[in-house]
Each structure stands twice: as C-alpha cells, then as structure tokens.
Amino acid sequence: MENRFIVNIIHRPEMVPEYAKTVLGKKAKDNREAFLNESLDIFKLQQDIAHRHGLKTTIQMTYASLFNDEAVRIAKEHHRTYGDELSLTLLGLPCKEFNDKYQTKDFCIWMFSKEQKRNIIDDAFTLFKNRFGFYPTSTGSYYLDAYSISYIKSKYPDVVCAVATCWEEGPKAYHTTNNSWYTFMDGGPWNPWIPSKINTHVPAQNEAEDSG
C-alpha cells in the first residue's frame, strides 16, 4: 500500500459568524456590511494561501453564504480553476433569510425538532443545488446528530462523508447550557469513522448500527 500523507483543508465563507452576534450583539448588527466585507476578505486570503502553495481546498458553503452572490461567485471560480470541492455545512444558519423563514434565532441544527431538521436540511440542500447545479458530496456541522446523518444519507445519497463533530468539543458542550472550556478533549474520534445511528460520537460496531 502506498504511504501517502493526505490533508483536507476546509474553508468556510462565514457571512456574519455566530460569535459576532452573540459576543458583539448590537455592534455586529449595526456594522453588518463591514462584517460581511471582512468575512469575505478572510475567506479570500485563506483560499489564496492554499492555492499559492498548490493545495486544493474544500469550500463548505454556509446557509447564509448561499444568499451572497460574491461568495457563490468565488466558490464557482475556484471550483472551476483549482478543482476545489464545493461542500455544504449546516453551520452559518443565522441570517435574515433564515430568521424570517423559520421565525427563530436558534442556529444549532442538532437542537431543532426532527421535523424542523428535515425542513432546514431540505432547504439548505435545495439552495445549494439551485446555486451550483448539483448536490454536494460532503456536509458537516460542529455537531451533526445521528438522526440528521441518517436523513441526509437517505434523501441525498450523493453525500459520502461528513465533518460530523468539532474535534475538541463533545456531548457536554452541546446542551447549549455549558460554555466551560473543560469540555475540550471530549469530542468524537480523531480519525474517520462510521457513526452509530444512536449517537454520532459512537462508532458503529456493525452494519445494523450504521447511521448511513
């Protein structure tokens, strides 16, 4: 077997990052245009650094970025020119379009009801397809629960992998009531795994437990 080092570089065009709203509050709202420009500049810089070193990237489009013509234009251009993968993340939900449509300021996909999860997933995948002409082959979130993974795999079989957990944050961090950083090192496996249909953080032990 050939011994190769494989690196997957993932960039996400954040329009107005979640932390900007929660930490800066009204200041972020009042300076939305400045945040958008800064976010796009950061994304462009990350992409430029990778391409200057001959590296391809995975561009994880957020829900909010799918409404931004400049972010979509850059993603299409880099997909065509450099062969970058176009992916869809279920992060980056907070934006006017999402808040108005779902009448909520929540943004954690794993905290919604099963019906809401299905609606949001279908909405995001449809937006992606309308923008790029195809469905993504990968997706992700800070935490992608087992129900969402199973639904995505059944409804969108083109998806073959997911960034299903944030490596340092585990179940304790996802009750949305615990902001303590001692939850570091409590995340999912540090290598590819097939998640259980019961809990994403638990590797499936057999085919019957496979969430996908």
N, C-alpha and C. Protein backbone atom coordinates (compact mmCIF):
# COMPACT_ATOMS: atom_id res chain seq x y z
N MET A 1 0.84 -1.18 0.00
CA MET A 1 0.00 0.00 0.00
C MET A 1 0.88 1.24 0.00
N GLU A 2 0.53 2.20 -0.85
CA GLU A 2 1.33 3.42 -0.95
C GLU A 2 1.19 4.25 0.32
N ASN A 3 2.32 4.74 0.82
CA ASN A 3 2.33 5.55 2.04
C ASN A 3 2.23 7.02 1.66
N ARG A 4 1.04 7.61 1.84
CA ARG A 4 0.85 9.00 1.46
C ARG A 4 0.29 9.81 2.62
N PHE A 5 0.71 11.06 2.68
CA PHE A 5 0.14 11.99 3.66
C PHE A 5 -1.00 12.75 2.99
N ILE A 6 -2.17 12.69 3.57
CA ILE A 6 -3.35 13.34 2.99
C ILE A 6 -3.84 14.41 3.95
N VAL A 7 -4.00 15.61 3.44
CA VAL A 7 -4.53 16.71 4.25
C VAL A 7 -5.79 17.26 3.59
N ASN A 8 -6.79 17.52 4.38
CA ASN A 8 -8.03 18.09 3.87
C ASN A 8 -8.18 19.49 4.46
N ILE A 9 -8.07 20.49 3.61
CA ILE A 9 -8.15 21.89 4.05
C ILE A 9 -9.57 22.39 3.81
N ILE A 10 -10.23 22.75 4.88
CA ILE A 10 -11.63 23.18 4.79
C ILE A 10 -11.74 24.67 5.09
N HIS A 11 -12.31 25.40 4.16
CA HIS A 11 -12.58 26.83 4.36
C HIS A 11 -14.07 27.09 4.29
N ARG A 12 -14.53 27.99 5.15
CA ARG A 12 -15.95 28.29 5.24
C ARG A 12 -16.16 29.80 5.08
N PRO A 13 -16.88 30.24 4.06
CA PRO A 13 -17.16 31.67 3.93
C PRO A 13 -18.24 32.08 4.93
N GLU A 14 -17.81 32.55 6.09
CA GLU A 14 -18.76 33.00 7.12
C GLU A 14 -19.23 34.40 6.76
N MET A 15 -20.51 34.61 6.72
CA MET A 15 -21.03 35.94 6.41
C MET A 15 -21.01 36.83 7.65
N VAL A 16 -21.78 36.49 8.65
CA VAL A 16 -21.66 37.12 9.96
C VAL A 16 -21.58 35.98 10.97
N PRO A 17 -20.36 35.63 11.42
CA PRO A 17 -20.18 34.45 12.27
C PRO A 17 -21.07 34.50 13.51
N GLU A 18 -21.45 33.30 14.00
CA GLU A 18 -22.31 33.22 15.17
C GLU A 18 -21.73 34.00 16.34
N TYR A 19 -20.41 33.90 16.55
CA TYR A 19 -19.81 34.55 17.70
C TYR A 19 -19.91 36.07 17.62
N ALA A 20 -19.95 36.61 16.39
CA ALA A 20 -20.06 38.06 16.23
C ALA A 20 -21.39 38.56 16.78
N LYS A 21 -22.44 37.77 16.56
CA LYS A 21 -23.76 38.17 17.05
C LYS A 21 -23.86 37.99 18.56
N THR A 22 -23.35 36.87 19.06
CA THR A 22 -23.50 36.58 20.48
C THR A 22 -22.56 37.40 21.34
N VAL A 23 -21.35 37.67 20.84
CA VAL A 23 -20.36 38.40 21.62
C VAL A 23 -20.51 39.91 21.45
N LEU A 24 -20.71 40.35 20.20
CA LEU A 24 -20.75 41.78 19.93
C LEU A 24 -22.15 42.35 19.88
N GLY A 25 -23.15 41.50 19.72
CA GLY A 25 -24.53 41.93 19.78
C GLY A 25 -24.89 43.03 18.81
N LYS A 26 -25.39 44.15 19.36
CA LYS A 26 -25.89 45.25 18.54
C LYS A 26 -24.79 45.81 17.65
N LYS A 27 -23.56 45.81 18.13
CA LYS A 27 -22.45 46.33 17.33
C LYS A 27 -22.32 45.55 16.03
N ALA A 28 -22.48 44.24 16.10
CA ALA A 28 -22.40 43.41 14.89
C ALA A 28 -23.55 43.73 13.94
N LYS A 29 -24.74 43.93 14.51
CA LYS A 29 -25.90 44.25 13.68
C LYS A 29 -25.73 45.59 12.99
N ASP A 30 -25.21 46.59 13.72
CA ASP A 30 -25.05 47.93 13.17
C ASP A 30 -23.95 47.99 12.12
N ASN A 31 -23.01 47.06 12.18
CA ASN A 31 -21.88 47.06 11.25
C ASN A 31 -21.90 45.84 10.34
N ARG A 32 -23.09 45.40 9.97
CA ARG A 32 -23.25 44.17 9.18
C ARG A 32 -22.44 44.21 7.89
N GLU A 33 -22.47 45.33 7.17
CA GLU A 33 -21.76 45.42 5.91
C GLU A 33 -20.26 45.27 6.11
N ALA A 34 -19.74 45.88 7.17
CA ALA A 34 -18.31 45.77 7.47
C ALA A 34 -17.94 44.33 7.80
N PHE A 35 -18.80 43.64 8.55
CA PHE A 35 -18.55 42.25 8.89
C PHE A 35 -18.56 41.37 7.65
N LEU A 36 -19.51 41.63 6.75
CA LEU A 36 -19.58 40.86 5.51
C LEU A 36 -18.30 41.02 4.70
N ASN A 37 -17.84 42.25 4.56
CA ASN A 37 -16.63 42.51 3.78
C ASN A 37 -15.41 41.87 4.43
N GLU A 38 -15.33 41.97 5.75
CA GLU A 38 -14.19 41.38 6.46
C GLU A 38 -14.21 39.86 6.34
N SER A 39 -15.40 39.27 6.47
CA SER A 39 -15.52 37.82 6.35
C SER A 39 -15.10 37.33 4.97
N LEU A 40 -15.52 38.04 3.93
CA LEU A 40 -15.13 37.66 2.57
C LEU A 40 -13.64 37.85 2.35
N ASP A 41 -13.07 38.90 2.93
CA ASP A 41 -11.62 39.13 2.80
C ASP A 41 -10.83 38.00 3.45
N ILE A 42 -11.29 37.55 4.62
CA ILE A 42 -10.63 36.43 5.30
C ILE A 42 -10.71 35.17 4.45
N PHE A 43 -11.89 34.90 3.91
CA PHE A 43 -12.09 33.73 3.05
C PHE A 43 -11.18 33.79 1.83
N LYS A 44 -11.11 34.95 1.18
CA LYS A 44 -10.25 35.11 0.00
C LYS A 44 -8.79 34.88 0.36
N LEU A 45 -8.35 35.40 1.51
CA LEU A 45 -6.96 35.23 1.94
C LEU A 45 -6.65 33.76 2.18
N GLN A 46 -7.53 33.07 2.88
CA GLN A 46 -7.32 31.64 3.14
C GLN A 46 -7.20 30.86 1.83
N GLN A 47 -8.09 31.15 0.91
CA GLN A 47 -8.06 30.48 -0.38
C GLN A 47 -6.77 30.79 -1.14
N ASP A 48 -6.37 32.04 -1.12
CA ASP A 48 -5.16 32.45 -1.84
C ASP A 48 -3.92 31.75 -1.29
N ILE A 49 -3.82 31.65 0.03
CA ILE A 49 -2.66 30.99 0.65
C ILE A 49 -2.59 29.53 0.22
N ALA A 50 -3.73 28.85 0.24
CA ALA A 50 -3.75 27.44 -0.16
C ALA A 50 -3.36 27.28 -1.62
N HIS A 51 -3.92 28.10 -2.49
CA HIS A 51 -3.66 27.95 -3.92
C HIS A 51 -2.23 28.32 -4.29
N ARG A 52 -1.65 29.31 -3.59
CA ARG A 52 -0.25 29.69 -3.85
C ARG A 52 0.71 28.56 -3.51
N HIS A 53 0.27 27.67 -2.63
CA HIS A 53 1.11 26.53 -2.24
C HIS A 53 0.67 25.25 -2.96
N GLY A 54 -0.14 25.41 -3.98
CA GLY A 54 -0.53 24.26 -4.80
C GLY A 54 -1.51 23.32 -4.13
N LEU A 55 -2.27 23.82 -3.18
CA LEU A 55 -3.20 22.98 -2.44
C LEU A 55 -4.65 23.25 -2.83
N LYS A 56 -5.41 22.19 -2.96
CA LYS A 56 -6.85 22.33 -3.18
C LYS A 56 -7.54 22.44 -1.81
N THR A 57 -8.75 22.97 -1.82
CA THR A 57 -9.50 23.09 -0.58
C THR A 57 -10.90 22.52 -0.74
N THR A 58 -11.54 22.31 0.39
CA THR A 58 -12.97 22.04 0.42
C THR A 58 -13.65 23.31 0.89
N ILE A 59 -14.51 23.88 0.05
CA ILE A 59 -15.24 25.09 0.41
C ILE A 59 -16.59 24.68 0.97
N GLN A 60 -16.76 24.84 2.27
CA GLN A 60 -18.04 24.50 2.90
C GLN A 60 -18.94 25.73 2.89
N MET A 61 -19.89 25.74 1.97
CA MET A 61 -20.82 26.86 1.88
C MET A 61 -21.81 26.81 3.04
N THR A 62 -21.98 27.95 3.71
CA THR A 62 -22.96 28.05 4.78
C THR A 62 -24.32 28.44 4.19
N TYR A 63 -25.36 28.30 4.99
CA TYR A 63 -26.70 28.71 4.55
C TYR A 63 -26.68 30.18 4.16
N ALA A 64 -26.10 31.02 5.02
CA ALA A 64 -26.07 32.46 4.75
C ALA A 64 -25.27 32.79 3.50
N SER A 65 -24.16 32.07 3.27
CA SER A 65 -23.31 32.38 2.12
C SER A 65 -23.99 32.05 0.79
N LEU A 66 -24.98 31.15 0.82
CA LEU A 66 -25.70 30.81 -0.41
C LEU A 66 -26.57 31.96 -0.90
N PHE A 67 -26.79 32.94 -0.05
CA PHE A 67 -27.54 34.14 -0.45
C PHE A 67 -26.61 35.28 -0.86
N ASN A 68 -25.29 35.04 -0.77
CA ASN A 68 -24.31 36.08 -1.09
C ASN A 68 -23.70 35.81 -2.46
N ASP A 69 -24.00 36.67 -3.42
CA ASP A 69 -23.56 36.45 -4.80
C ASP A 69 -22.04 36.40 -4.93
N GLU A 70 -21.34 37.22 -4.15
CA GLU A 70 -19.88 37.25 -4.24
C GLU A 70 -19.27 35.95 -3.72
N ALA A 71 -19.79 35.45 -2.60
CA ALA A 71 -19.28 34.18 -2.06
C ALA A 71 -19.53 33.04 -3.03
N VAL A 72 -20.69 33.01 -3.65
CA VAL A 72 -21.01 31.97 -4.63
C VAL A 72 -20.13 32.09 -5.86
N ARG A 73 -19.89 33.33 -6.30
CA ARG A 73 -19.04 33.55 -7.48
C ARG A 73 -17.63 33.03 -7.24
N ILE A 74 -17.07 33.35 -6.07
CA ILE A 74 -15.72 32.90 -5.73
C ILE A 74 -15.66 31.38 -5.68
N ALA A 75 -16.65 30.77 -5.04
CA ALA A 75 -16.68 29.31 -4.92
C ALA A 75 -16.73 28.65 -6.29
N LYS A 76 -17.58 29.16 -7.17
CA LYS A 76 -17.67 28.60 -8.52
C LYS A 76 -16.35 28.75 -9.27
N GLU A 77 -15.75 29.92 -9.16
CA GLU A 77 -14.49 30.18 -9.87
C GLU A 77 -13.38 29.27 -9.38
N HIS A 78 -13.28 29.08 -8.07
CA HIS A 78 -12.21 28.25 -7.51
C HIS A 78 -12.47 26.76 -7.77
N HIS A 79 -13.72 26.38 -7.83
CA HIS A 79 -14.07 25.00 -8.19
C HIS A 79 -13.64 24.72 -9.63
N ARG A 80 -13.88 25.68 -10.50
CA ARG A 80 -13.55 25.53 -11.92
C ARG A 80 -12.05 25.64 -12.16
N THR A 81 -11.39 26.58 -11.51
CA THR A 81 -9.98 26.87 -11.79
C THR A 81 -9.03 25.94 -11.05
N TYR A 82 -9.32 25.67 -9.78
CA TYR A 82 -8.38 24.90 -8.96
C TYR A 82 -8.87 23.49 -8.62
N GLY A 83 -10.11 23.20 -8.94
CA GLY A 83 -10.65 21.89 -8.60
C GLY A 83 -11.06 21.76 -7.15
N ASP A 84 -11.30 22.90 -6.47
CA ASP A 84 -11.74 22.85 -5.08
C ASP A 84 -13.11 22.17 -4.98
N GLU A 85 -13.29 21.40 -3.91
CA GLU A 85 -14.58 20.76 -3.68
C GLU A 85 -15.59 21.78 -3.16
N LEU A 86 -16.81 21.70 -3.64
CA LEU A 86 -17.89 22.53 -3.12
C LEU A 86 -18.75 21.68 -2.19
N SER A 87 -18.78 22.07 -0.93
CA SER A 87 -19.47 21.31 0.10
C SER A 87 -20.54 22.19 0.75
N LEU A 88 -21.35 21.59 1.59
CA LEU A 88 -22.41 22.32 2.29
C LEU A 88 -22.31 22.03 3.78
N THR A 89 -22.20 23.09 4.58
CA THR A 89 -22.20 22.92 6.03
C THR A 89 -23.51 23.44 6.61
N LEU A 90 -23.96 22.82 7.66
CA LEU A 90 -25.17 23.28 8.35
C LEU A 90 -24.83 24.24 9.47
N LEU A 91 -23.61 24.76 9.44
CA LEU A 91 -23.26 25.93 10.25
C LEU A 91 -23.67 27.16 9.46
N GLY A 92 -23.55 28.32 10.08
CA GLY A 92 -23.84 29.55 9.36
C GLY A 92 -25.30 29.71 9.00
N LEU A 93 -26.18 29.17 9.83
CA LEU A 93 -27.61 29.33 9.58
C LEU A 93 -28.11 30.75 9.85
N PRO A 94 -27.58 31.43 10.88
CA PRO A 94 -28.14 32.74 11.22
C PRO A 94 -27.96 33.76 10.10
N CYS A 95 -29.05 34.24 9.60
CA CYS A 95 -29.07 35.33 8.62
C CYS A 95 -30.53 35.77 8.53
N LYS A 96 -30.78 36.91 7.92
CA LYS A 96 -32.13 37.44 7.85
C LYS A 96 -33.08 36.44 7.18
N GLU A 97 -32.61 35.82 6.09
CA GLU A 97 -33.46 34.89 5.35
C GLU A 97 -33.89 33.71 6.23
N PHE A 98 -32.93 33.18 7.00
CA PHE A 98 -33.24 32.04 7.88
C PHE A 98 -34.16 32.47 9.01
N ASN A 99 -33.81 33.58 9.67
CA ASN A 99 -34.61 34.04 10.81
C ASN A 99 -36.04 34.37 10.40
N ASP A 100 -36.20 35.00 9.24
CA ASP A 100 -37.55 35.34 8.77
C ASP A 100 -38.35 34.10 8.40
N LYS A 101 -37.69 33.14 7.77
CA LYS A 101 -38.40 31.95 7.30
C LYS A 101 -38.82 31.04 8.44
N TYR A 102 -37.92 30.86 9.42
CA TYR A 102 -38.19 29.90 10.49
C TYR A 102 -38.61 30.55 11.80
N GLN A 103 -38.65 31.88 11.81
CA GLN A 103 -39.11 32.63 12.99
C GLN A 103 -38.38 32.18 14.25
N THR A 104 -37.06 32.12 14.15
CA THR A 104 -36.24 31.72 15.29
C THR A 104 -34.87 32.36 15.19
N LYS A 105 -34.25 32.51 16.34
CA LYS A 105 -32.86 32.98 16.37
C LYS A 105 -31.92 31.83 16.75
N ASP A 106 -32.48 30.64 16.93
CA ASP A 106 -31.65 29.46 17.18
C ASP A 106 -30.87 29.12 15.92
N PHE A 107 -29.72 28.47 16.07
CA PHE A 107 -28.92 28.16 14.89
C PHE A 107 -28.20 26.82 15.00
N CYS A 108 -28.45 26.06 16.05
CA CYS A 108 -27.78 24.76 16.22
C CYS A 108 -28.67 23.67 15.63
N ILE A 109 -28.27 23.08 14.52
CA ILE A 109 -29.11 22.12 13.82
C ILE A 109 -29.51 20.95 14.72
N TRP A 110 -28.64 20.58 15.65
CA TRP A 110 -28.91 19.42 16.49
C TRP A 110 -29.95 19.73 17.58
N MET A 111 -30.30 20.99 17.77
CA MET A 111 -31.24 21.37 18.82
C MET A 111 -32.69 21.48 18.32
N PHE A 112 -32.87 21.41 17.00
CA PHE A 112 -34.22 21.53 16.44
C PHE A 112 -34.97 20.19 16.54
N SER A 113 -36.29 20.24 16.38
CA SER A 113 -37.08 19.01 16.34
C SER A 113 -36.76 18.24 15.06
N LYS A 114 -37.17 16.99 15.00
CA LYS A 114 -36.90 16.18 13.80
C LYS A 114 -37.54 16.79 12.57
N GLU A 115 -38.77 17.28 12.72
CA GLU A 115 -39.44 17.91 11.58
C GLU A 115 -38.70 19.16 11.12
N GLN A 116 -38.26 19.97 12.07
CA GLN A 116 -37.51 21.18 11.72
C GLN A 116 -36.19 20.83 11.06
N LYS A 117 -35.53 19.80 11.57
CA LYS A 117 -34.27 19.37 10.97
C LYS A 117 -34.47 19.00 9.50
N ARG A 118 -35.51 18.23 9.23
CA ARG A 118 -35.78 17.82 7.85
C ARG A 118 -36.03 19.03 6.97
N ASN A 119 -36.83 19.97 7.46
CA ASN A 119 -37.14 21.17 6.68
C ASN A 119 -35.90 22.01 6.40
N ILE A 120 -35.08 22.19 7.42
CA ILE A 120 -33.87 23.00 7.27
C ILE A 120 -32.88 22.33 6.33
N ILE A 121 -32.69 21.02 6.50
CA ILE A 121 -31.78 20.27 5.63
C ILE A 121 -32.24 20.35 4.18
N ASP A 122 -33.52 20.11 3.94
CA ASP A 122 -34.05 20.18 2.57
C ASP A 122 -33.88 21.58 2.00
N ASP A 123 -34.13 22.58 2.81
CA ASP A 123 -33.99 23.97 2.38
C ASP A 123 -32.55 24.25 1.96
N ALA A 124 -31.59 23.88 2.82
CA ALA A 124 -30.18 24.14 2.55
C ALA A 124 -29.68 23.39 1.31
N PHE A 125 -30.06 22.12 1.19
CA PHE A 125 -29.62 21.33 0.04
C PHE A 125 -30.24 21.85 -1.26
N THR A 126 -31.48 22.30 -1.19
CA THR A 126 -32.13 22.86 -2.38
C THR A 126 -31.47 24.17 -2.80
N LEU A 127 -31.15 25.02 -1.82
CA LEU A 127 -30.45 26.27 -2.12
C LEU A 127 -29.11 25.98 -2.79
N PHE A 128 -28.38 25.00 -2.26
CA PHE A 128 -27.08 24.63 -2.83
C PHE A 128 -27.25 24.16 -4.27
N LYS A 129 -28.22 23.28 -4.50
CA LYS A 129 -28.46 22.75 -5.85
C LYS A 129 -28.84 23.87 -6.82
N ASN A 130 -29.65 24.80 -6.37
CA ASN A 130 -30.05 25.91 -7.23
C ASN A 130 -28.88 26.82 -7.58
N ARG A 131 -27.94 26.95 -6.66
CA ARG A 131 -26.79 27.82 -6.88
C ARG A 131 -25.72 27.17 -7.75
N PHE A 132 -25.49 25.88 -7.57
CA PHE A 132 -24.36 25.23 -8.23
C PHE A 132 -24.75 24.18 -9.28
N GLY A 133 -26.00 23.79 -9.29
CA GLY A 133 -26.44 22.84 -10.31
C GLY A 133 -26.26 21.38 -9.94
N PHE A 134 -25.79 21.10 -8.73
CA PHE A 134 -25.61 19.72 -8.28
C PHE A 134 -25.66 19.71 -6.75
N TYR A 135 -25.84 18.52 -6.19
CA TYR A 135 -25.83 18.37 -4.74
C TYR A 135 -24.40 18.14 -4.26
N PRO A 136 -24.08 18.54 -3.04
CA PRO A 136 -22.73 18.31 -2.52
C PRO A 136 -22.49 16.84 -2.22
N THR A 137 -21.22 16.46 -2.18
CA THR A 137 -20.88 15.08 -1.81
C THR A 137 -20.38 14.99 -0.37
N SER A 138 -20.31 16.13 0.30
CA SER A 138 -19.96 16.13 1.72
C SER A 138 -20.71 17.25 2.42
N THR A 139 -20.85 17.10 3.73
CA THR A 139 -21.54 18.11 4.52
C THR A 139 -20.91 18.16 5.90
N GLY A 140 -21.54 18.87 6.84
CA GLY A 140 -20.96 18.93 8.17
C GLY A 140 -21.65 19.92 9.08
N SER A 141 -21.16 19.97 10.32
CA SER A 141 -21.63 20.90 11.33
C SER A 141 -20.68 20.75 12.52
N TYR A 142 -20.78 21.67 13.50
CA TYR A 142 -20.00 21.47 14.72
C TYR A 142 -20.37 20.14 15.34
N TYR A 143 -21.64 19.82 15.25
CA TYR A 143 -22.12 18.51 15.67
C TYR A 143 -23.27 18.14 14.76
N LEU A 144 -23.18 17.00 14.11
CA LEU A 144 -24.24 16.53 13.22
C LEU A 144 -24.83 15.28 13.86
N ASP A 145 -26.02 15.41 14.39
CA ASP A 145 -26.62 14.32 15.15
C ASP A 145 -26.96 13.12 14.25
N ALA A 146 -27.14 11.98 14.89
CA ALA A 146 -27.36 10.73 14.15
C ALA A 146 -28.62 10.78 13.29
N TYR A 147 -29.68 11.41 13.79
CA TYR A 147 -30.91 11.49 13.01
C TYR A 147 -30.68 12.28 11.72
N SER A 148 -29.98 13.41 11.83
CA SER A 148 -29.71 14.24 10.65
C SER A 148 -28.85 13.50 9.64
N ILE A 149 -27.85 12.77 10.13
CA ILE A 149 -26.99 12.00 9.23
C ILE A 149 -27.81 10.95 8.47
N SER A 150 -28.65 10.22 9.19
CA SER A 150 -29.47 9.18 8.55
C SER A 150 -30.41 9.79 7.52
N TYR A 151 -30.99 10.95 7.85
CA TYR A 151 -31.91 11.60 6.92
C TYR A 151 -31.17 12.06 5.67
N ILE A 152 -30.02 12.68 5.86
CA ILE A 152 -29.24 13.16 4.71
C ILE A 152 -28.84 12.00 3.81
N LYS A 153 -28.41 10.90 4.41
CA LYS A 153 -27.97 9.75 3.60
C LYS A 153 -29.13 9.14 2.82
N SER A 154 -30.32 9.14 3.39
CA SER A 154 -31.46 8.55 2.69
C SER A 154 -32.00 9.49 1.61
N LYS A 155 -31.98 10.80 1.87
CA LYS A 155 -32.57 11.77 0.94
C LYS A 155 -31.56 12.26 -0.09
N TYR A 156 -30.28 12.33 0.29
CA TYR A 156 -29.24 12.87 -0.59
C TYR A 156 -28.06 11.90 -0.66
N PRO A 157 -28.24 10.79 -1.39
CA PRO A 157 -27.23 9.73 -1.42
C PRO A 157 -25.90 10.14 -2.04
N ASP A 158 -25.84 11.30 -2.70
CA ASP A 158 -24.56 11.77 -3.23
C ASP A 158 -23.57 12.07 -2.11
N VAL A 159 -24.08 12.35 -0.92
CA VAL A 159 -23.21 12.66 0.22
C VAL A 159 -22.52 11.38 0.70
N VAL A 160 -21.19 11.41 0.71
CA VAL A 160 -20.43 10.22 1.10
C VAL A 160 -19.66 10.40 2.40
N CYS A 161 -19.55 11.65 2.88
CA CYS A 161 -18.86 11.86 4.14
C CYS A 161 -19.33 13.16 4.78
N ALA A 162 -19.06 13.28 6.08
CA ALA A 162 -19.47 14.48 6.81
C ALA A 162 -18.46 14.80 7.89
N VAL A 163 -18.23 16.08 8.10
CA VAL A 163 -17.49 16.54 9.27
C VAL A 163 -18.55 16.63 10.37
N ALA A 164 -18.68 15.57 11.14
CA ALA A 164 -19.85 15.40 12.00
C ALA A 164 -19.64 15.88 13.42
N THR A 165 -18.45 16.33 13.74
CA THR A 165 -18.20 16.80 15.10
C THR A 165 -17.02 17.74 15.09
N CYS A 166 -17.00 18.64 16.05
CA CYS A 166 -15.84 19.50 16.25
C CYS A 166 -14.89 18.75 17.16
N TRP A 167 -13.68 18.52 16.72
CA TRP A 167 -12.81 17.53 17.35
C TRP A 167 -12.62 17.73 18.85
N GLU A 168 -12.66 18.98 19.35
CA GLU A 168 -12.35 19.18 20.76
C GLU A 168 -13.59 19.28 21.64
N GLU A 169 -14.77 19.40 21.02
CA GLU A 169 -15.97 19.61 21.81
C GLU A 169 -16.86 18.38 21.77
N GLY A 170 -17.28 17.94 22.93
CA GLY A 170 -18.07 16.72 22.99
C GLY A 170 -19.49 16.93 23.44
N PRO A 171 -20.15 15.87 23.87
CA PRO A 171 -21.57 15.95 24.23
C PRO A 171 -21.88 17.00 25.29
N LYS A 172 -20.96 17.19 26.24
CA LYS A 172 -21.24 18.14 27.32
C LYS A 172 -21.40 19.56 26.80
N ALA A 173 -20.72 19.86 25.69
CA ALA A 173 -20.78 21.22 25.15
C ALA A 173 -22.06 21.48 24.38
N TYR A 174 -22.80 20.44 24.06
CA TYR A 174 -23.92 20.59 23.15
C TYR A 174 -25.29 20.59 23.83
N HIS A 175 -25.28 20.83 25.13
CA HIS A 175 -26.56 21.05 25.80
C HIS A 175 -26.95 22.52 25.69
N THR A 176 -26.08 23.33 25.09
CA THR A 176 -26.27 24.76 24.91
C THR A 176 -26.48 25.46 26.25
N THR A 177 -25.97 24.86 27.30
CA THR A 177 -26.04 25.50 28.61
C THR A 177 -24.68 25.48 29.28
N ASN A 178 -23.71 24.93 28.59
CA ASN A 178 -22.40 24.75 29.21
C ASN A 178 -21.34 25.36 28.33
N ASN A 179 -20.82 26.50 28.75
CA ASN A 179 -19.79 27.17 27.96
C ASN A 179 -18.39 26.95 28.52
N SER A 180 -18.26 26.02 29.45
CA SER A 180 -16.96 25.79 30.07
C SER A 180 -16.01 25.11 29.10
N TRP A 181 -14.79 25.61 29.03
CA TRP A 181 -13.83 25.05 28.08
C TRP A 181 -13.21 23.74 28.55
N TYR A 182 -13.59 23.29 29.76
CA TYR A 182 -13.07 21.99 30.18
C TYR A 182 -13.69 20.87 29.36
N THR A 183 -14.66 21.21 28.52
CA THR A 183 -15.23 20.19 27.64
C THR A 183 -14.29 19.84 26.50
N PHE A 184 -13.16 20.56 26.40
CA PHE A 184 -12.15 20.19 25.40
C PHE A 184 -11.74 18.73 25.61
N MET A 185 -11.32 18.12 24.54
CA MET A 185 -10.85 16.74 24.52
C MET A 185 -12.00 15.76 24.76
N ASP A 186 -13.21 16.23 24.62
CA ASP A 186 -14.37 15.39 24.89
C ASP A 186 -15.12 15.07 23.60
N GLY A 187 -14.51 15.38 22.45
CA GLY A 187 -15.20 15.25 21.17
C GLY A 187 -15.19 13.84 20.60
N GLY A 188 -15.49 13.78 19.31
CA GLY A 188 -15.57 12.49 18.63
C GLY A 188 -14.20 11.94 18.29
N PRO A 189 -14.16 10.79 17.62
CA PRO A 189 -12.89 10.18 17.22
C PRO A 189 -12.03 11.11 16.37
N TRP A 190 -10.74 10.97 16.47
CA TRP A 190 -9.80 11.83 15.73
C TRP A 190 -9.40 11.16 14.42
N ASN A 191 -10.25 10.38 13.87
CA ASN A 191 -9.96 9.70 12.61
C ASN A 191 -11.31 9.40 11.95
N PRO A 192 -11.31 9.07 10.67
CA PRO A 192 -12.59 8.74 10.03
C PRO A 192 -13.28 7.57 10.73
N TRP A 193 -14.59 7.65 10.87
CA TRP A 193 -15.34 6.57 11.49
C TRP A 193 -16.77 6.52 10.94
N ILE A 194 -17.39 5.38 11.08
CA ILE A 194 -18.79 5.21 10.70
C ILE A 194 -19.62 5.41 11.96
N PRO A 195 -20.44 6.48 12.02
CA PRO A 195 -21.17 6.77 13.26
C PRO A 195 -22.36 5.86 13.50
N SER A 196 -22.64 5.64 14.76
CA SER A 196 -23.80 4.84 15.15
C SER A 196 -25.08 5.63 14.93
N LYS A 197 -26.15 4.92 14.61
CA LYS A 197 -27.46 5.58 14.43
C LYS A 197 -28.05 6.03 15.76
N ILE A 198 -27.42 5.64 16.87
CA ILE A 198 -27.88 6.06 18.19
C ILE A 198 -27.20 7.36 18.61
N ASN A 199 -25.90 7.45 18.36
CA ASN A 199 -25.13 8.63 18.77
C ASN A 199 -23.97 8.81 17.81
N THR A 200 -23.87 9.99 17.23
CA THR A 200 -22.83 10.25 16.23
C THR A 200 -21.43 10.03 16.78
N HIS A 201 -21.22 10.35 18.05
CA HIS A 201 -19.88 10.23 18.63
C HIS A 201 -19.46 8.78 18.86
N VAL A 202 -20.40 7.87 18.74
CA VAL A 202 -20.09 6.45 18.97
C VAL A 202 -19.91 5.75 17.64
N PRO A 203 -18.74 5.17 17.38
CA PRO A 203 -18.55 4.42 16.13
C PRO A 203 -19.48 3.21 16.08
N ALA A 204 -20.07 2.98 14.92
CA ALA A 204 -20.93 1.81 14.74
C ALA A 204 -20.10 0.53 14.86
N GLN A 205 -20.63 -0.45 15.55
CA GLN A 205 -19.90 -1.71 15.73
C GLN A 205 -20.22 -2.72 14.63
N ASN A 206 -21.32 -2.50 13.94
CA ASN A 206 -21.69 -3.41 12.86
C ASN A 206 -22.61 -2.68 11.88
N GLU A 207 -22.98 -3.37 10.82
CA GLU A 207 -23.78 -2.74 9.77
C GLU A 207 -25.15 -2.30 10.29
N ALA A 208 -25.70 -3.02 11.23
CA ALA A 208 -27.02 -2.69 11.76
C ALA A 208 -27.01 -1.36 12.51
N GLU A 209 -25.85 -0.98 13.05
CA GLU A 209 -25.73 0.27 13.81
C GLU A 209 -25.35 1.45 12.93
N ASP A 210 -25.02 1.20 11.68
CA ASP A 210 -24.54 2.24 10.77
C ASP A 210 -25.63 3.28 10.51
N SER A 211 -25.36 4.55 10.85
CA SER A 211 -26.38 5.60 10.68
C SER A 211 -26.56 5.98 9.22
N GLY A 212 -25.60 5.59 8.37
CA GLY A 212 -25.69 5.96 6.97
C GLY A 212 -26.07 4.80 6.09
